[in-house]
Amino acid sequence: MITMKNINKGYMLGEEKLPILKNIDFHVERGEYVAILGPSGSGKTTLMNIIGCMDVMDSGEYYLDGMAIHDTSEDRLTDVRNNKIGFIFQNYQLIPTYNVMQNIIMPLLMRGMNHKEAEEQCSETIRLLGLDHRIGHRPSELSGGQKQRVSIARALVGKPAILLADEPTGALDQSSGKDVLKLFQELNEMGNTIVMITHDLNVAQSAKRIVRIVDGQLFE
């Protein structure tokens, strides 16, 4: 599902280039649940942005679901983000004026799906996430755990190739965090490929495989 070969990335700091990722090799098979574990400043956010096609590498090769991302135009990368990757963020990134259904359905409407068909596809995901009784509620009326479930439902609804989760329990209390990690395990058992970014070893241990990133280098 993901193959990265010799990925390098740096940013200019004045007249000097500061290396962030150094010769990264990373592979994820279809149906895997992998945690990328690293402290602040280790390069994990930069790596996540490249995996999510929100940033580009300076050198190296990146293949996502058979597509050569390193040879893909920016316009095409927008399609990749919309169709192949389901994003789950620490702070949910829900639209506050939209209710649960409107937040979840949005990616399908952006693809050009008609509203009736999109609602039918959403209904299945909403039931799966246990949000049936919340579809008319706005984010301000939901708990943190419920907001994250809406975020996960929005990521799932388009049937992406991978789910990319950035510190998905970071804004949750311990009980809600455990519920979300249990949900990830259930989604993985259903065949979903999940890549999770975290600084917390206890969170990472819910995944089936852990890789560590330290000073821009990746270690199994």
Protein backbone atom coordinates (compact mmCIF):
# COMPACT_ATOMS: atom_id res chain seq x y z
CA MET A 1 0.00 0.00 0.00
CA ILE A 2 2.85 2.39 0.90
CA THR A 3 6.43 2.12 -0.35
CA MET A 4 8.92 4.88 0.44
CA LYS A 5 12.52 4.66 -0.76
CA ASN A 6 15.34 6.92 0.39
CA ILE A 7 13.08 9.88 1.29
CA ASN A 8 14.87 13.10 2.21
CA LYS A 9 13.35 16.41 3.24
CA GLY A 10 14.78 19.62 4.63
CA TYR A 11 13.81 23.25 5.17
CA MET A 12 15.81 26.42 4.68
CA LEU A 13 16.90 28.12 7.89
CA GLY A 14 18.42 31.39 6.73
CA GLU A 15 20.99 30.41 4.12
CA GLU A 16 21.42 26.91 5.48
CA LYS A 17 19.26 23.85 4.78
CA LEU A 18 18.15 21.99 7.90
CA PRO A 19 17.65 18.26 7.21
CA ILE A 20 14.40 16.90 8.70
CA LEU A 21 14.04 13.43 7.11
CA LYS A 22 17.15 11.42 6.27
CA ASN A 23 17.08 8.46 3.88
CA ILE A 24 13.70 7.17 5.05
CA ASP A 25 12.64 3.70 3.87
CA PHE A 26 9.09 2.79 4.91
CA HIS A 27 6.68 0.07 3.79
CA VAL A 28 3.08 -0.62 4.76
CA GLU A 29 1.20 -3.64 3.43
CA ARG A 30 -2.49 -3.53 2.63
CA GLY A 31 -4.51 -4.21 5.79
CA GLU A 32 -1.70 -3.31 8.23
CA TYR A 33 -2.08 -1.13 11.31
CA VAL A 34 1.21 0.71 11.87
CA ALA A 35 2.17 3.32 14.46
CA ILE A 36 4.95 5.82 13.79
CA LEU A 37 6.29 6.73 17.23
CA GLY A 38 8.48 9.72 17.92
CA PRO A 39 8.97 12.74 20.19
CA SER A 40 8.35 16.34 19.21
CA GLY A 41 10.95 17.49 16.68
CA SER A 42 11.76 13.97 15.48
CA GLY A 43 10.37 14.53 11.97
CA LYS A 44 7.14 12.55 12.38
CA THR A 45 4.88 15.45 11.38
CA THR A 46 6.92 16.07 8.24
CA LEU A 47 6.76 12.36 7.41
CA MET A 48 3.00 12.37 8.01
CA ASN A 49 2.58 15.35 5.67
CA ILE A 50 4.48 13.55 2.93
CA ILE A 51 2.52 10.31 3.43
CA GLY A 52 -0.68 12.41 3.27
CA CYS A 53 0.48 14.20 0.09
CA MET A 54 0.31 17.56 1.90
CA ASP A 55 4.05 18.11 1.37
CA VAL A 56 6.61 16.81 -1.11
CA MET A 57 9.98 15.20 -0.51
CA ASP A 58 13.23 16.73 -1.76
CA SER A 59 14.38 13.38 -3.10
CA GLY A 60 13.39 9.73 -3.08
CA GLU A 61 10.46 7.66 -4.31
CA TYR A 62 6.97 7.33 -2.83
CA TYR A 63 4.38 4.86 -4.12
CA LEU A 64 0.83 4.93 -2.68
CA ASP A 65 -1.55 2.17 -3.75
CA GLY A 66 0.54 1.68 -6.89
CA MET A 67 0.75 5.39 -7.81
CA ALA A 68 4.15 7.09 -8.12
CA ILE A 69 3.49 10.11 -5.89
CA HIS A 70 6.96 11.57 -6.53
CA ASP A 71 6.06 11.90 -10.24
CA THR A 72 2.55 13.27 -9.69
CA SER A 73 1.47 16.87 -10.38
CA GLU A 74 0.08 19.09 -7.62
CA ASP A 75 -3.37 19.07 -9.25
CA ARG A 76 -3.39 15.28 -9.23
CA LEU A 77 -2.22 15.22 -5.61
CA THR A 78 -5.42 17.03 -4.64
CA ASP A 79 -7.36 14.11 -6.12
CA VAL A 80 -5.15 11.65 -4.24
CA ARG A 81 -5.83 13.42 -0.93
CA ASN A 82 -9.57 13.44 -1.61
CA ASN A 83 -9.87 9.86 -2.83
CA LYS A 84 -7.09 7.68 -1.41
CA ILE A 85 -6.46 9.08 2.09
CA GLY A 86 -8.83 9.42 5.04
CA PHE A 87 -7.44 12.00 7.49
CA ILE A 88 -8.11 11.83 11.24
CA PHE A 89 -6.79 14.80 13.20
CA GLN A 90 -6.08 15.41 16.88
CA ASN A 91 -8.39 18.44 16.97
CA TYR A 92 -11.07 16.84 14.76
CA GLN A 93 -11.24 19.76 12.24
CA LEU A 94 -15.03 19.61 12.07
CA ILE A 95 -17.01 22.52 10.62
CA PRO A 96 -18.73 24.04 13.70
CA THR A 97 -21.83 25.27 11.83
CA TYR A 98 -22.46 21.84 10.24
CA ASN A 99 -24.24 19.00 12.00
CA VAL A 100 -22.85 15.46 12.20
CA MET A 101 -24.38 14.32 8.90
CA GLN A 102 -23.21 17.45 7.07
CA ASN A 103 -19.64 17.02 8.35
CA ILE A 104 -19.49 13.35 7.37
CA ILE A 105 -21.10 13.73 3.95
CA MET A 106 -18.84 16.60 2.83
CA PRO A 107 -16.04 14.49 1.21
CA LEU A 108 -18.58 12.64 -0.93
CA LEU A 109 -20.21 15.84 -2.15
CA MET A 110 -16.75 17.24 -2.97
CA ARG A 111 -16.27 14.23 -5.25
CA GLY A 112 -19.41 15.18 -7.14
CA MET A 113 -21.68 12.47 -5.73
CA ASN A 114 -25.36 13.43 -5.69
CA HIS A 115 -26.84 14.16 -2.27
CA LYS A 116 -29.21 11.18 -2.09
CA GLU A 117 -26.52 8.65 -2.98
CA ALA A 118 -24.08 10.32 -0.57
CA GLU A 119 -26.58 10.16 2.29
CA GLU A 120 -27.15 6.44 1.66
CA GLN A 121 -23.39 5.81 1.75
CA CYS A 122 -23.06 7.93 4.92
CA SER A 123 -25.83 6.06 6.73
CA GLU A 124 -23.83 2.82 6.74
CA THR A 125 -20.76 4.55 8.20
CA ILE A 126 -22.83 6.47 10.75
CA ARG A 127 -24.33 3.20 12.03
CA LEU A 128 -20.89 1.60 12.17
CA LEU A 129 -19.57 4.44 14.33
CA GLY A 130 -22.65 4.47 16.60
CA LEU A 131 -23.64 8.02 15.70
CA ASP A 132 -27.24 7.34 14.60
CA HIS A 133 -28.72 9.37 17.44
CA ARG A 134 -26.37 12.32 16.86
CA ILE A 135 -26.76 13.10 13.15
CA GLY A 136 -28.56 16.42 13.76
CA HIS A 137 -26.16 17.64 16.45
CA ARG A 138 -23.43 20.21 15.88
CA PRO A 139 -19.86 19.68 17.17
CA SER A 140 -20.46 21.99 20.17
CA GLU A 141 -23.12 19.55 21.37
CA LEU A 142 -20.79 16.53 21.29
CA SER A 143 -18.21 15.13 23.70
CA GLY A 144 -14.57 14.86 22.64
CA GLY A 145 -14.95 11.14 21.96
CA GLN A 146 -18.05 11.74 19.83
CA LYS A 147 -16.28 14.47 17.86
CA GLN A 148 -13.44 12.06 17.11
CA ARG A 149 -15.95 9.42 15.98
CA VAL A 150 -17.41 11.98 13.57
CA SER A 151 -13.88 12.70 12.32
CA ILE A 152 -13.27 8.97 11.83
CA ALA A 153 -16.62 8.55 10.05
CA ARG A 154 -15.75 11.43 7.71
CA ALA A 155 -12.41 9.78 6.95
CA LEU A 156 -14.02 6.37 6.37
CA VAL A 157 -17.02 7.33 4.28
CA GLY A 158 -15.13 7.66 1.01
CA LYS A 159 -13.58 4.20 1.38
CA PRO A 160 -9.97 5.47 1.21
CA ALA A 161 -6.93 3.28 0.58
CA ILE A 162 -5.47 4.29 3.96
CA LEU A 163 -6.57 5.98 7.16
CA LEU A 164 -3.91 8.45 8.34
CA ALA A 165 -4.37 9.40 12.02
CA ASP A 166 -2.39 12.24 13.60
CA GLU A 167 -2.28 11.96 17.42
CA PRO A 168 -5.94 10.77 17.35
CA THR A 169 -6.25 10.53 21.15
CA GLY A 170 -4.26 13.66 22.00
CA ALA A 171 -7.29 15.81 22.83
CA LEU A 172 -9.25 13.06 24.61
CA ASP A 173 -9.52 11.89 28.20
CA GLN A 174 -8.12 8.44 28.99
CA SER A 175 -11.44 6.60 28.71
CA SER A 176 -12.42 8.21 25.38
CA GLY A 177 -8.90 7.60 24.07
CA LYS A 178 -9.16 3.88 24.84
CA ASP A 179 -12.52 3.75 23.05
CA VAL A 180 -11.02 5.34 19.93
CA LEU A 181 -8.05 2.95 19.92
CA LYS A 182 -10.40 -0.01 20.30
CA LEU A 183 -12.38 1.33 17.34
CA PHE A 184 -9.16 1.54 15.27
CA GLN A 185 -8.45 -2.11 16.07
CA GLU A 186 -11.97 -3.06 14.97
CA LEU A 187 -11.64 -1.06 11.75
CA ASN A 188 -8.31 -2.75 11.04
CA GLU A 189 -9.87 -6.17 11.60
CA MET A 190 -12.44 -5.17 8.94
CA GLY A 191 -9.55 -4.71 6.49
CA ASN A 192 -8.76 -1.01 6.78
CA THR A 193 -5.11 0.03 6.43
CA ILE A 194 -4.18 2.45 9.23
CA VAL A 195 -1.07 4.57 9.77
CA MET A 196 -1.06 6.40 13.11
CA ILE A 197 1.35 9.12 14.20
CA THR A 198 1.92 9.45 17.95
CA HIS A 199 4.42 10.46 20.62
CA ASP A 200 2.82 8.14 23.20
CA LEU A 201 4.12 4.56 23.52
CA ASN A 202 0.92 3.40 25.20
CA VAL A 203 -1.09 4.62 22.20
CA ALA A 204 1.39 3.12 19.73
CA GLN A 205 1.09 -0.28 21.39
CA SER A 206 -2.50 -0.59 20.15
CA ALA A 207 -1.10 -0.97 16.61
CA LYS A 208 0.16 -4.25 15.20
CA ARG A 209 3.56 -2.80 14.25
CA ILE A 210 5.54 0.11 15.64
CA VAL A 211 8.29 2.05 13.86
CA ARG A 212 10.26 4.74 15.65
CA ILE A 213 11.45 8.00 14.18
CA VAL A 214 14.42 9.67 15.89
CA ASP A 215 16.26 12.71 14.50
CA GLY A 216 14.70 12.19 11.07
CA GLN A 217 15.65 8.52 10.79
CA LEU A 218 13.24 5.58 10.90
CA PHE A 219 13.85 2.38 12.87
CA GLU A 220 11.74 -0.77 13.01
